[in-house]
Amino acid sequence: MLDIRPVSDLRNNFTSIEEAVINKGPVILTKNGYGSMVVMSLSEYERLTNYIENSLDEAEAQAKLSSKRLSHEEVFGQYKKR
Protein backbone atom coordinates (compact mmCIF):
# COMPACT_ATOMS: atom_id res chain seq x y z
CA MET A 1 0.00 0.00 0.00
CA LEU A 2 1.29 3.43 -0.91
CA ASP A 3 2.25 5.80 1.89
CA ILE A 4 0.99 9.22 0.77
CA ARG A 5 1.43 12.26 2.99
CA PRO A 6 1.33 16.04 2.67
CA VAL A 7 4.71 17.66 2.10
CA SER A 8 4.28 19.53 5.40
CA ASP A 9 4.83 16.17 7.15
CA LEU A 10 8.42 16.27 5.98
CA ARG A 11 9.03 19.22 8.27
CA ASN A 12 6.55 18.39 11.03
CA ASN A 13 7.01 14.59 11.22
CA PHE A 14 10.45 13.92 9.76
CA THR A 15 11.20 11.04 12.13
CA SER A 16 7.94 9.29 11.21
CA ILE A 17 8.67 9.64 7.49
CA GLU A 18 12.24 8.45 7.98
CA GLU A 19 11.02 5.34 9.81
CA ALA A 20 8.40 4.65 7.12
CA VAL A 21 10.99 4.97 4.35
CA ILE A 22 13.37 2.60 6.10
CA ASN A 23 10.76 0.02 7.16
CA LYS A 24 8.08 0.15 4.47
CA GLY A 25 9.53 1.78 1.38
CA PRO A 26 9.14 5.07 -0.48
CA VAL A 27 6.79 7.80 0.77
CA ILE A 28 4.91 9.98 -1.71
CA LEU A 29 4.58 13.61 -0.69
CA THR A 30 1.78 15.81 -1.97
CA LYS A 31 1.43 19.56 -2.30
CA ASN A 32 -2.07 21.03 -2.60
CA GLY A 33 -3.43 17.52 -3.10
CA TYR A 34 -1.15 16.62 -6.02
CA GLY A 35 1.92 14.41 -6.08
CA SER A 36 5.05 16.48 -5.56
CA MET A 37 7.94 14.14 -4.75
CA VAL A 38 8.98 10.74 -3.51
CA VAL A 39 11.24 10.17 -0.53
CA MET A 40 13.16 6.90 -0.44
CA SER A 41 16.04 5.42 1.49
CA LEU A 42 19.55 5.81 0.18
CA SER A 43 19.88 2.04 -0.16
CA GLU A 44 16.70 1.88 -2.30
CA TYR A 45 17.94 4.75 -4.47
CA GLU A 46 21.31 3.02 -4.95
CA ARG A 47 19.55 -0.25 -5.82
CA LEU A 48 17.49 1.49 -8.50
CA THR A 49 20.34 3.49 -9.99
CA ASN A 50 22.76 0.54 -9.90
CA TYR A 51 20.27 -1.54 -11.88
CA ILE A 52 19.95 1.21 -14.48
CA GLU A 53 23.72 1.75 -14.69
CA ASN A 54 24.36 -1.98 -15.04
CA SER A 55 21.70 -2.28 -17.75
CA LEU A 56 23.20 0.63 -19.69
CA ASP A 57 26.69 -0.85 -19.36
CA GLU A 58 25.40 -4.19 -20.66
CA ALA A 59 23.63 -2.51 -23.59
CA GLU A 60 26.79 -0.58 -24.45
CA ALA A 61 28.88 -3.77 -24.38
CA GLN A 62 26.38 -5.53 -26.65
CA ALA A 63 26.33 -2.57 -29.04
CA LYS A 64 30.12 -2.82 -29.43
CA LEU A 65 29.76 -6.46 -30.54
CA SER A 66 27.26 -5.81 -33.32
CA SER A 67 26.51 -3.17 -35.91
CA LYS A 68 22.77 -3.96 -35.71
CA ARG A 69 20.73 -1.18 -34.15
CA LEU A 70 17.16 -1.42 -32.90
CA SER A 71 14.54 1.32 -32.99
CA HIS A 72 12.87 2.60 -29.88
CA GLU A 73 9.69 0.81 -30.95
CA GLU A 74 11.52 -2.51 -31.37
CA VAL A 75 13.00 -2.27 -27.89
CA PHE A 76 10.03 -0.90 -25.94
CA GLY A 77 7.07 -1.97 -28.08
CA GLN A 78 6.47 -5.10 -26.05
CA TYR A 79 6.14 -3.08 -22.84
CA LYS A 80 3.60 -0.70 -24.37
CA LYS A 81 1.37 -3.66 -25.24
CA ARG A 82 1.17 -4.62 -21.56
C-alpha atoms as a PDB file:
ATOM      1  CA  MET A   1       0.000   0.000   0.000  1.00  0.00           C
ATOM      2  CA  LEU A   2       1.293   3.430  -0.912  1.00  0.00           C
ATOM      3  CA  ASP A   3       2.251   5.804   1.894  1.00  0.00           C
ATOM      4  CA  ILE A   4       0.988   9.219   0.769  1.00  0.00           C
ATOM      5  CA  ARG A   5       1.432  12.261   2.986  1.00  0.00           C
ATOM      6  CA  PRO A   6       1.328  16.035   2.675  1.00  0.00           C
ATOM      7  CA  VAL A   7       4.710  17.663   2.096  1.00  0.00           C
ATOM      8  CA  SER A   8       4.280  19.533   5.404  1.00  0.00           C
ATOM      9  CA  ASP A   9       4.830  16.174   7.151  1.00  0.00           C
ATOM     10  CA  LEU A  10       8.417  16.265   5.977  1.00  0.00           C
ATOM     11  CA  ARG A  11       9.031  19.224   8.266  1.00  0.00           C
ATOM     12  CA  ASN A  12       6.554  18.386  11.032  1.00  0.00           C
ATOM     13  CA  ASN A  13       7.012  14.594  11.225  1.00  0.00           C
ATOM     14  CA  PHE A  14      10.446  13.922   9.764  1.00  0.00           C
ATOM     15  CA  THR A  15      11.202  11.037  12.126  1.00  0.00           C
ATOM     16  CA  SER A  16       7.943   9.294  11.214  1.00  0.00           C
ATOM     17  CA  ILE A  17       8.671   9.638   7.494  1.00  0.00           C
ATOM     18  CA  GLU A  18      12.240   8.454   7.982  1.00  0.00           C
ATOM     19  CA  GLU A  19      11.017   5.336   9.814  1.00  0.00           C
ATOM     20  CA  ALA A  20       8.398   4.650   7.119  1.00  0.00           C
ATOM     21  CA  VAL A  21      10.995   4.968   4.347  1.00  0.00           C
ATOM     22  CA  ILE A  22      13.371   2.596   6.100  1.00  0.00           C
ATOM     23  CA  ASN A  23      10.764   0.020   7.161  1.00  0.00           C
ATOM     24  CA  LYS A  24       8.079   0.149   4.466  1.00  0.00           C
ATOM     25  CA  GLY A  25       9.531   1.783   1.375  1.00  0.00           C
ATOM     26  CA  PRO A  26       9.138   5.070  -0.479  1.00  0.00           C
ATOM     27  CA  VAL A  27       6.794   7.800   0.775  1.00  0.00           C
ATOM     28  CA  ILE A  28       4.909   9.980  -1.709  1.00  0.00           C
ATOM     29  CA  LEU A  29       4.576  13.610  -0.686  1.00  0.00           C
ATOM     30  CA  THR A  30       1.777  15.809  -1.971  1.00  0.00           C
ATOM     31  CA  LYS A  31       1.428  19.562  -2.299  1.00  0.00           C
ATOM     32  CA  ASN A  32      -2.067  21.030  -2.599  1.00  0.00           C
ATOM     33  CA  GLY A  33      -3.433  17.524  -3.101  1.00  0.00           C
ATOM     34  CA  TYR A  34      -1.150  16.623  -6.016  1.00  0.00           C
ATOM     35  CA  GLY A  35       1.923  14.408  -6.078  1.00  0.00           C
ATOM     36  CA  SER A  36       5.053  16.479  -5.565  1.00  0.00           C
ATOM     37  CA  MET A  37       7.936  14.143  -4.753  1.00  0.00           C
ATOM     38  CA  VAL A  38       8.977  10.737  -3.514  1.00  0.00           C
ATOM     39  CA  VAL A  39      11.239  10.169  -0.528  1.00  0.00           C
ATOM     40  CA  MET A  40      13.162   6.895  -0.435  1.00  0.00           C
ATOM     41  CA  SER A  41      16.043   5.416   1.493  1.00  0.00           C
ATOM     42  CA  LEU A  42      19.549   5.814   0.180  1.00  0.00           C
ATOM     43  CA  SER A  43      19.876   2.036  -0.160  1.00  0.00           C
ATOM     44  CA  GLU A  44      16.703   1.883  -2.299  1.00  0.00           C
ATOM     45  CA  TYR A  45      17.941   4.752  -4.474  1.00  0.00           C
ATOM     46  CA  GLU A  46      21.310   3.020  -4.952  1.00  0.00           C
ATOM     47  CA  ARG A  47      19.554  -0.253  -5.820  1.00  0.00           C
ATOM     48  CA  LEU A  48      17.492   1.485  -8.503  1.00  0.00           C
ATOM     49  CA  THR A  49      20.340   3.486  -9.986  1.00  0.00           C
ATOM     50  CA  ASN A  50      22.761   0.544  -9.901  1.00  0.00           C
ATOM     51  CA  TYR A  51      20.274  -1.544 -11.881  1.00  0.00           C
ATOM     52  CA  ILE A  52      19.948   1.212 -14.480  1.00  0.00           C
ATOM     53  CA  GLU A  53      23.718   1.750 -14.687  1.00  0.00           C
ATOM     54  CA  ASN A  54      24.360  -1.983 -15.037  1.00  0.00           C
ATOM     55  CA  SER A  55      21.701  -2.282 -17.749  1.00  0.00           C
ATOM     56  CA  LEU A  56      23.200   0.625 -19.686  1.00  0.00           C
ATOM     57  CA  ASP A  57      26.687  -0.848 -19.365  1.00  0.00           C
ATOM     58  CA  GLU A  58      25.395  -4.191 -20.655  1.00  0.00           C
ATOM     59  CA  ALA A  59      23.634  -2.514 -23.590  1.00  0.00           C
ATOM     60  CA  GLU A  60      26.793  -0.581 -24.453  1.00  0.00           C
ATOM     61  CA  ALA A  61      28.878  -3.771 -24.382  1.00  0.00           C
ATOM     62  CA  GLN A  62      26.378  -5.531 -26.654  1.00  0.00           C
ATOM     63  CA  ALA A  63      26.332  -2.568 -29.036  1.00  0.00           C
ATOM     64  CA  LYS A  64      30.116  -2.818 -29.434  1.00  0.00           C
ATOM     65  CA  LEU A  65      29.757  -6.459 -30.541  1.00  0.00           C
ATOM     66  CA  SER A  66      27.261  -5.811 -33.323  1.00  0.00           C
ATOM     67  CA  SER A  67      26.508  -3.172 -35.906  1.00  0.00           C
ATOM     68  CA  LYS A  68      22.773  -3.959 -35.712  1.00  0.00           C
ATOM     69  CA  ARG A  69      20.725  -1.176 -34.146  1.00  0.00           C
ATOM     70  CA  LEU A  70      17.155  -1.421 -32.897  1.00  0.00           C
ATOM     71  CA  SER A  71      14.542   1.319 -32.991  1.00  0.00           C
ATOM     72  CA  HIS A  72      12.870   2.600 -29.880  1.00  0.00           C
ATOM     73  CA  GLU A  73       9.694   0.814 -30.953  1.00  0.00           C
ATOM     74  CA  GLU A  74      11.518  -2.512 -31.366  1.00  0.00           C
ATOM     75  CA  VAL A  75      12.997  -2.267 -27.891  1.00  0.00           C
ATOM     76  CA  PHE A  76      10.034  -0.896 -25.943  1.00  0.00           C
ATOM     77  CA  GLY A  77       7.073  -1.970 -28.079  1.00  0.00           C
ATOM     78  CA  GLN A  78       6.467  -5.104 -26.052  1.00  0.00           C
ATOM     79  CA  TYR A  79       6.141  -3.080 -22.842  1.00  0.00           C
ATOM     80  CA  LYS A  80       3.603  -0.703 -24.368  1.00  0.00           C
ATOM     81  CA  LYS A  81       1.373  -3.663 -25.242  1.00  0.00           C
ATOM     82  CA  ARG A  82       1.170  -4.620 -21.559  1.00  0.00           C
END
